[in-house]
Structures are given as C-alpha cells and as structure tokens.
Amino acid sequence: MSPVVIVVLAVLAVVLLWGITAYNKFIRLRVRSEESWRDIDTQLKRRWDLIPNLVETVKGYATHEREVFERVTQARARAQAATAPKEQEAAEAQLRGAMMNLFAVAEAYPQLKADQGFLQLQASLSEVEDAIQKSRRYYNAVVRDFNTALQVFPGSVIAGLFGFKPREFFALDDEAQREAPKVKF
C-alpha cells in the first residue's frame, strides 16, 4: 500500500470518527433536553395535583367565591393540556393569575389562614415552585448546549446533514411572571 493511500484512509477514518462522535453528541443532548422537559412536566403535575386540595380547603371557608374556583380549575386544565414551551408559558401565566385570585380570597378569611391543612398546602406549593424553577433552569441549560452545538462549526455540518433542529427555551414574556406566587399569609 502506498503512503498516499494510507494517509487518505487515515484522514477518512478520522473524519468518519469525528462524524460519529458529533452525531452521538447531538443525540445525547437531544435526549437530555427531552428528559429535562419531562422533569418540568413532573414538577408541574405535582403543582396541579396540589391545586384541587387547595381549592377545596378555601371552598370550605369561602363558599360564595365560586367564580374564583372555576377560574382556577379552568386554568389548571389549560396548563395540563399545554405541550410546547410557548404553550406552557401562556397556560402557566393564566394559572398563576388564577392562583393569585385564590390567595386574595383566602386573605379575607383569618380562620383559613390559621388552618393547619391550608398552611401545609401552602408550604408544599412553595416547595413545588422551587422545584419547577430548578427544572426550568436545567432545561434551558441543556437547550442552550444543544442549540450552541447545532450552530458552531464543524458540528453544524453534521446537524444539517441529519436534520437536527433547535429547541425552544422556556422563557417568561411577562415580567410579573418571573416571581413565584406569593403564598405567605
């Protein structure tokens, strides 16, 4: 075998190995972004599961506030149905507004604010909000890594060949949404 053929084969082997490595990197990052999105779903489900208990607790004290309870229930259903980051952002904004109204109703009932079950639900909701925030940060970090890898050369060549597409970040458009709901009484 001539030295030229050996060099050409070596270069082709290096390019092939690099292509395989780059492709596998994109697969790993895509799977991590999907997994981290599911982590957000898990935390949101925990929140959604707390909401009916919170509504029922407040209902026990504030039976004439039916419209507020219905808005919370409807906003929860819309949030559960959302699938993409942009949809989820909008649905979560509506849910956050409905929950603020619910807590405003609860503020008017001193005996409710002292109820042990209500206080435990508030503490659980606060913990879930923290977990949601952490999950969103992790998701956005993974999406950042994935999207960066898609755009930098020479990885962009492999990404283009295999049809990898950028992911959406989870971002809040409204400045008021950037704060967790206030659950302190």
C-alpha atoms as a PDB file:
ATOM      1  CA  MET A   1       0.000   0.000   0.000  1.00  0.00           C
ATOM      2  CA  SER A   2       1.373   3.386  -0.904  1.00  0.00           C
ATOM      3  CA  PRO A   3       1.855   6.119   1.717  1.00  0.00           C
ATOM      4  CA  VAL A   4      -0.671   8.359  -0.075  1.00  0.00           C
ATOM      5  CA  VAL A   5      -3.380   5.708   0.206  1.00  0.00           C
ATOM      6  CA  ILE A   6      -2.582   5.203   3.880  1.00  0.00           C
ATOM      7  CA  VAL A   7      -2.801   8.959   4.555  1.00  0.00           C
ATOM      8  CA  VAL A   8      -6.093   9.233   2.646  1.00  0.00           C
ATOM      9  CA  LEU A   9      -7.540   6.255   4.555  1.00  0.00           C
ATOM     10  CA  ALA A  10      -6.325   7.717   7.854  1.00  0.00           C
ATOM     11  CA  VAL A  11      -7.922  11.089   7.068  1.00  0.00           C
ATOM     12  CA  LEU A  12     -11.176   9.383   6.066  1.00  0.00           C
ATOM     13  CA  ALA A  13     -11.113   7.328   9.277  1.00  0.00           C
ATOM     14  CA  VAL A  14     -10.593  10.487  11.365  1.00  0.00           C
ATOM     15  CA  VAL A  15     -13.420  12.304   9.564  1.00  0.00           C
ATOM     16  CA  LEU A  16     -15.714   9.299   9.997  1.00  0.00           C
ATOM     17  CA  LEU A  17     -14.895   9.021  13.710  1.00  0.00           C
ATOM     18  CA  TRP A  18     -15.433  12.748  14.148  1.00  0.00           C
ATOM     19  CA  GLY A  19     -18.813  12.487  12.355  1.00  0.00           C
ATOM     20  CA  ILE A  20     -19.912   9.604  14.550  1.00  0.00           C
ATOM     21  CA  THR A  21     -18.802  11.443  17.688  1.00  0.00           C
ATOM     22  CA  ALA A  22     -20.588  14.652  16.658  1.00  0.00           C
ATOM     23  CA  TYR A  23     -23.772  12.761  15.758  1.00  0.00           C
ATOM     24  CA  ASN A  24     -23.754  10.936  19.104  1.00  0.00           C
ATOM     25  CA  LYS A  25     -23.247  14.240  20.919  1.00  0.00           C
ATOM     26  CA  PHE A  26     -26.372  15.655  19.260  1.00  0.00           C
ATOM     27  CA  ILE A  27     -28.353  12.550  20.176  1.00  0.00           C
ATOM     28  CA  ARG A  28     -27.233  12.762  23.820  1.00  0.00           C
ATOM     29  CA  LEU A  29     -28.104  16.461  24.031  1.00  0.00           C
ATOM     30  CA  ARG A  30     -31.494  15.924  22.375  1.00  0.00           C
ATOM     31  CA  VAL A  31     -32.333  13.116  24.807  1.00  0.00           C
ATOM     32  CA  ARG A  32     -31.202  15.258  27.764  1.00  0.00           C
ATOM     33  CA  SER A  33     -33.400  18.129  26.590  1.00  0.00           C
ATOM     34  CA  GLU A  34     -36.392  15.793  26.258  1.00  0.00           C
ATOM     35  CA  GLU A  35     -35.693  14.343  29.689  1.00  0.00           C
ATOM     36  CA  SER A  36     -35.369  17.771  31.276  1.00  0.00           C
ATOM     37  CA  TRP A  37     -38.665  18.855  29.669  1.00  0.00           C
ATOM     38  CA  ARG A  38     -40.290  15.788  31.249  1.00  0.00           C
ATOM     39  CA  ASP A  39     -38.804  16.844  34.595  1.00  0.00           C
ATOM     40  CA  ILE A  40     -40.622  20.162  34.240  1.00  0.00           C
ATOM     41  CA  ASP A  41     -43.809  18.236  33.441  1.00  0.00           C
ATOM     42  CA  THR A  42     -43.328  16.164  36.587  1.00  0.00           C
ATOM     43  CA  GLN A  43     -42.974  19.240  38.783  1.00  0.00           C
ATOM     44  CA  LEU A  44     -45.928  20.953  37.129  1.00  0.00           C
ATOM     45  CA  LYS A  45     -48.038  17.834  37.719  1.00  0.00           C
ATOM     46  CA  ARG A  46     -47.121  17.982  41.396  1.00  0.00           C
ATOM     47  CA  ARG A  47     -48.370  21.567  41.441  1.00  0.00           C
ATOM     48  CA  TRP A  48     -51.519  20.686  39.511  1.00  0.00           C
ATOM     49  CA  ASP A  49     -52.218  17.880  41.997  1.00  0.00           C
ATOM     50  CA  LEU A  50     -51.976  20.329  44.906  1.00  0.00           C
ATOM     51  CA  ILE A  51     -54.368  22.848  43.397  1.00  0.00           C
ATOM     52  CA  PRO A  52     -57.641  20.866  43.842  1.00  0.00           C
ATOM     53  CA  ASN A  53     -56.788  20.308  47.515  1.00  0.00           C
ATOM     54  CA  LEU A  54     -56.045  23.987  47.949  1.00  0.00           C
ATOM     55  CA  VAL A  55     -59.285  24.967  46.194  1.00  0.00           C
ATOM     56  CA  GLU A  56     -61.318  22.557  48.343  1.00  0.00           C
ATOM     57  CA  THR A  57     -59.720  23.907  51.522  1.00  0.00           C
ATOM     58  CA  VAL A  58     -60.510  27.500  50.569  1.00  0.00           C
ATOM     59  CA  LYS A  59     -64.028  26.476  49.451  1.00  0.00           C
ATOM     60  CA  GLY A  60     -64.717  25.242  52.949  1.00  0.00           C
ATOM     61  CA  TYR A  61     -64.294  28.776  54.244  1.00  0.00           C
ATOM     62  CA  ALA A  62     -65.329  30.885  51.267  1.00  0.00           C
ATOM     63  CA  THR A  63     -68.307  29.113  49.739  1.00  0.00           C
ATOM     64  CA  HIS A  64     -69.611  32.173  47.848  1.00  0.00           C
ATOM     65  CA  GLU A  65     -66.419  32.634  45.759  1.00  0.00           C
ATOM     66  CA  ARG A  66     -67.477  30.168  43.059  1.00  0.00           C
ATOM     67  CA  GLU A  67     -66.169  32.197  40.089  1.00  0.00           C
ATOM     68  CA  VAL A  68     -62.636  32.229  41.523  1.00  0.00           C
ATOM     69  CA  PHE A  69     -62.696  28.450  41.994  1.00  0.00           C
ATOM     70  CA  GLU A  70     -63.936  27.907  38.451  1.00  0.00           C
ATOM     71  CA  ARG A  71     -61.169  30.124  37.022  1.00  0.00           C
ATOM     72  CA  VAL A  72     -58.520  28.178  38.920  1.00  0.00           C
ATOM     73  CA  THR A  73     -59.958  24.870  37.718  1.00  0.00           C
ATOM     74  CA  GLN A  74     -60.129  26.034  34.095  1.00  0.00           C
ATOM     75  CA  ALA A  75     -56.610  27.494  34.177  1.00  0.00           C
ATOM     76  CA  ARG A  76     -55.302  24.249  35.675  1.00  0.00           C
ATOM     77  CA  ALA A  77     -56.932  22.251  32.864  1.00  0.00           C
ATOM     78  CA  ARG A  78     -55.380  24.536  30.205  1.00  0.00           C
ATOM     79  CA  ALA A  79     -51.960  24.217  31.843  1.00  0.00           C
ATOM     80  CA  GLN A  80     -52.233  20.437  31.900  1.00  0.00           C
ATOM     81  CA  ALA A  81     -53.143  20.363  28.201  1.00  0.00           C
ATOM     82  CA  ALA A  82     -50.183  22.511  27.070  1.00  0.00           C
ATOM     83  CA  THR A  83     -47.317  20.645  25.413  1.00  0.00           C
ATOM     84  CA  ALA A  84     -44.771  23.037  23.874  1.00  0.00           C
ATOM     85  CA  PRO A  85     -42.707  25.559  25.865  1.00  0.00           C
ATOM     86  CA  LYS A  86     -44.591  28.573  24.421  1.00  0.00           C
ATOM     87  CA  GLU A  87     -47.982  26.983  25.137  1.00  0.00           C
ATOM     88  CA  GLN A  88     -46.843  26.051  28.621  1.00  0.00           C
ATOM     89  CA  GLU A  89     -45.675  29.615  29.305  1.00  0.00           C
ATOM     90  CA  ALA A  90     -49.064  31.080  28.360  1.00  0.00           C
ATOM     91  CA  ALA A  91     -51.033  28.471  30.291  1.00  0.00           C
ATOM     92  CA  GLU A  92     -48.852  28.866  33.372  1.00  0.00           C
ATOM     93  CA  ALA A  93     -49.357  32.651  33.257  1.00  0.00           C
ATOM     94  CA  GLN A  94     -53.132  32.149  33.343  1.00  0.00           C
ATOM     95  CA  LEU A  95     -52.836  29.629  36.159  1.00  0.00           C
ATOM     96  CA  ARG A  96     -50.598  31.964  38.128  1.00  0.00           C
ATOM     97  CA  GLY A  97     -53.169  34.758  37.803  1.00  0.00           C
ATOM     98  CA  ALA A  98     -55.986  32.477  38.914  1.00  0.00           C
ATOM     99  CA  MET A  99     -53.937  31.286  41.888  1.00  0.00           C
ATOM    100  CA  MET A 100     -53.240  34.892  42.898  1.00  0.00           C
ATOM    101  CA  ASN A 101     -57.002  35.497  42.919  1.00  0.00           C
ATOM    102  CA  LEU A 102     -57.495  32.382  45.037  1.00  0.00           C
ATOM    103  CA  PHE A 103     -54.911  33.568  47.566  1.00  0.00           C
ATOM    104  CA  ALA A 104     -56.536  37.004  47.593  1.00  0.00           C
ATOM    105  CA  VAL A 105     -59.822  35.334  48.550  1.00  0.00           C
ATOM    106  CA  ALA A 106     -58.053  33.324  51.244  1.00  0.00           C
ATOM    107  CA  GLU A 107     -56.576  36.545  52.645  1.00  0.00           C
ATOM    108  CA  ALA A 108     -60.079  37.680  53.626  1.00  0.00           C
ATOM    109  CA  TYR A 109     -60.595  34.668  55.928  1.00  0.00           C
ATOM    110  CA  PRO A 110     -58.428  34.771  59.078  1.00  0.00           C
ATOM    111  CA  GLN A 111     -59.596  31.332  60.244  1.00  0.00           C
ATOM    112  CA  LEU A 112     -58.495  29.878  56.896  1.00  0.00           C
ATOM    113  CA  LYS A 113     -55.059  31.463  57.213  1.00  0.00           C
ATOM    114  CA  ALA A 114     -54.680  29.660  60.551  1.00  0.00           C
ATOM    115  CA  ASP A 115     -55.901  26.277  59.244  1.00  0.00           C
ATOM    116  CA  GLN A 116     -53.117  23.678  59.518  1.00  0.00           C
ATOM    117  CA  GLY A 117     -54.110  21.884  56.307  1.00  0.00           C
ATOM    118  CA  PHE A 118     -54.071  25.153  54.382  1.00  0.00           C
ATOM    119  CA  LEU A 119     -50.666  26.052  55.812  1.00  0.00           C
ATOM    120  CA  GLN A 120     -49.279  22.650  54.788  1.00  0.00           C
ATOM    121  CA  LEU A 121     -50.662  23.072  51.264  1.00  0.00           C
ATOM    122  CA  GLN A 122     -49.005  26.492  51.063  1.00  0.00           C
ATOM    123  CA  ALA A 123     -45.671  25.040  52.162  1.00  0.00           C
ATOM    124  CA  SER A 124     -45.970  22.216  49.632  1.00  0.00           C
ATOM    125  CA  LEU A 125     -46.822  24.679  46.867  1.00  0.00           C
ATOM    126  CA  SER A 126     -43.789  26.775  47.762  1.00  0.00           C
ATOM    127  CA  GLU A 127     -41.530  23.696  47.571  1.00  0.00           C
ATOM    128  CA  VAL A 128     -43.004  22.731  44.206  1.00  0.00           C
ATOM    129  CA  GLU A 129     -42.470  26.261  42.854  1.00  0.00           C
ATOM    130  CA  ASP A 130     -38.791  25.997  43.804  1.00  0.00           C
ATOM    131  CA  ALA A 131     -38.501  22.609  42.090  1.00  0.00           C
ATOM    132  CA  ILE A 132     -40.206  23.971  38.960  1.00  0.00           C
ATOM    133  CA  GLN A 133     -37.755  26.855  38.848  1.00  0.00           C
ATOM    134  CA  LYS A 134     -34.787  24.482  39.142  1.00  0.00           C
ATOM    135  CA  SER A 135     -36.193  22.181  36.452  1.00  0.00           C
ATOM    136  CA  ARG A 136     -36.704  25.094  34.077  1.00  0.00           C
ATOM    137  CA  ARG A 137     -33.167  26.330  34.647  1.00  0.00           C
ATOM    138  CA  TYR A 138     -31.758  22.875  33.929  1.00  0.00           C
ATOM    139  CA  TYR A 139     -33.912  22.522  30.816  1.00  0.00           C
ATOM    140  CA  ASN A 140     -32.740  25.892  29.495  1.00  0.00           C
ATOM    141  CA  ALA A 141     -29.094  24.967  30.180  1.00  0.00           C
ATOM    142  CA  VAL A 142     -29.468  21.739  28.198  1.00  0.00           C
ATOM    143  CA  VAL A 143     -31.266  23.555  25.378  1.00  0.00           C
ATOM    144  CA  ARG A 144     -28.502  26.178  25.354  1.00  0.00           C
ATOM    145  CA  ASP A 145     -25.861  23.454  24.994  1.00  0.00           C
ATOM    146  CA  PHE A 146     -27.858  21.680  22.287  1.00  0.00           C
ATOM    147  CA  ASN A 147     -28.591  24.838  20.289  1.00  0.00           C
ATOM    148  CA  THR A 148     -24.987  26.005  20.573  1.00  0.00           C
ATOM    149  CA  ALA A 149     -23.685  22.654  19.354  1.00  0.00           C
ATOM    150  CA  LEU A 150     -26.076  22.867  16.396  1.00  0.00           C
ATOM    151  CA  GLN A 151     -24.750  26.243  15.340  1.00  0.00           C
ATOM    152  CA  VAL A 152     -20.984  26.019  15.786  1.00  0.00           C
ATOM    153  CA  PHE A 153     -18.725  24.747  13.048  1.00  0.00           C
ATOM    154  CA  PRO A 154     -17.983  21.941  12.307  1.00  0.00           C
ATOM    155  CA  GLY A 155     -20.881  20.442  14.301  1.00  0.00           C
ATOM    156  CA  SER A 156     -23.335  22.478  12.246  1.00  0.00           C
ATOM    157  CA  VAL A 157     -22.391  20.339   9.235  1.00  0.00           C
ATOM    158  CA  ILE A 158     -23.453  17.109  10.965  1.00  0.00           C
ATOM    159  CA  ALA A 159     -26.538  18.793  12.421  1.00  0.00           C
ATOM    160  CA  GLY A 160     -27.594  19.916   8.959  1.00  0.00           C
ATOM    161  CA  LEU A 161     -26.931  16.524   7.397  1.00  0.00           C
ATOM    162  CA  PHE A 162     -29.111  14.722   9.919  1.00  0.00           C
ATOM    163  CA  GLY A 163     -31.839  17.359  10.294  1.00  0.00           C
ATOM    164  CA  PHE A 164     -31.342  18.335  13.930  1.00  0.00           C
ATOM    165  CA  LYS A 165     -33.467  21.388  14.796  1.00  0.00           C
ATOM    166  CA  PRO A 166     -33.018  23.912  17.623  1.00  0.00           C
ATOM    167  CA  ARG A 167     -35.170  23.570  20.725  1.00  0.00           C
ATOM    168  CA  GLU A 168     -37.297  26.292  22.289  1.00  0.00           C
ATOM    169  CA  PHE A 169     -36.167  27.855  25.539  1.00  0.00           C
ATOM    170  CA  PHE A 170     -38.630  28.093  28.383  1.00  0.00           C
ATOM    171  CA  ALA A 171     -38.883  31.856  28.889  1.00  0.00           C
ATOM    172  CA  LEU A 172     -41.434  34.051  30.525  1.00  0.00           C
ATOM    173  CA  ASP A 173     -42.582  37.000  28.439  1.00  0.00           C
ATOM    174  CA  ASP A 174     -44.277  38.913  31.235  1.00  0.00           C
ATOM    175  CA  GLU A 175     -42.018  40.401  33.916  1.00  0.00           C
ATOM    176  CA  ALA A 176     -44.676  39.741  36.580  1.00  0.00           C
ATOM    177  CA  GLN A 177     -44.437  36.013  35.859  1.00  0.00           C
ATOM    178  CA  ARG A 178     -40.774  35.974  36.837  1.00  0.00           C
ATOM    179  CA  GLU A 179     -41.687  35.822  40.514  1.00  0.00           C
ATOM    180  CA  ALA A 180     -43.134  32.778  42.239  1.00  0.00           C
ATOM    181  CA  PRO A 181     -46.690  33.163  43.504  1.00  0.00           C
ATOM    182  CA  LYS A 182     -46.839  34.653  46.968  1.00  0.00           C
ATOM    183  CA  VAL A 183     -48.227  32.025  49.312  1.00  0.00           C
ATOM    184  CA  LYS A 184     -47.314  33.639  52.617  1.00  0.00           C
ATOM    185  CA  PHE A 185     -50.114  34.743  54.906  1.00  0.00           C
END
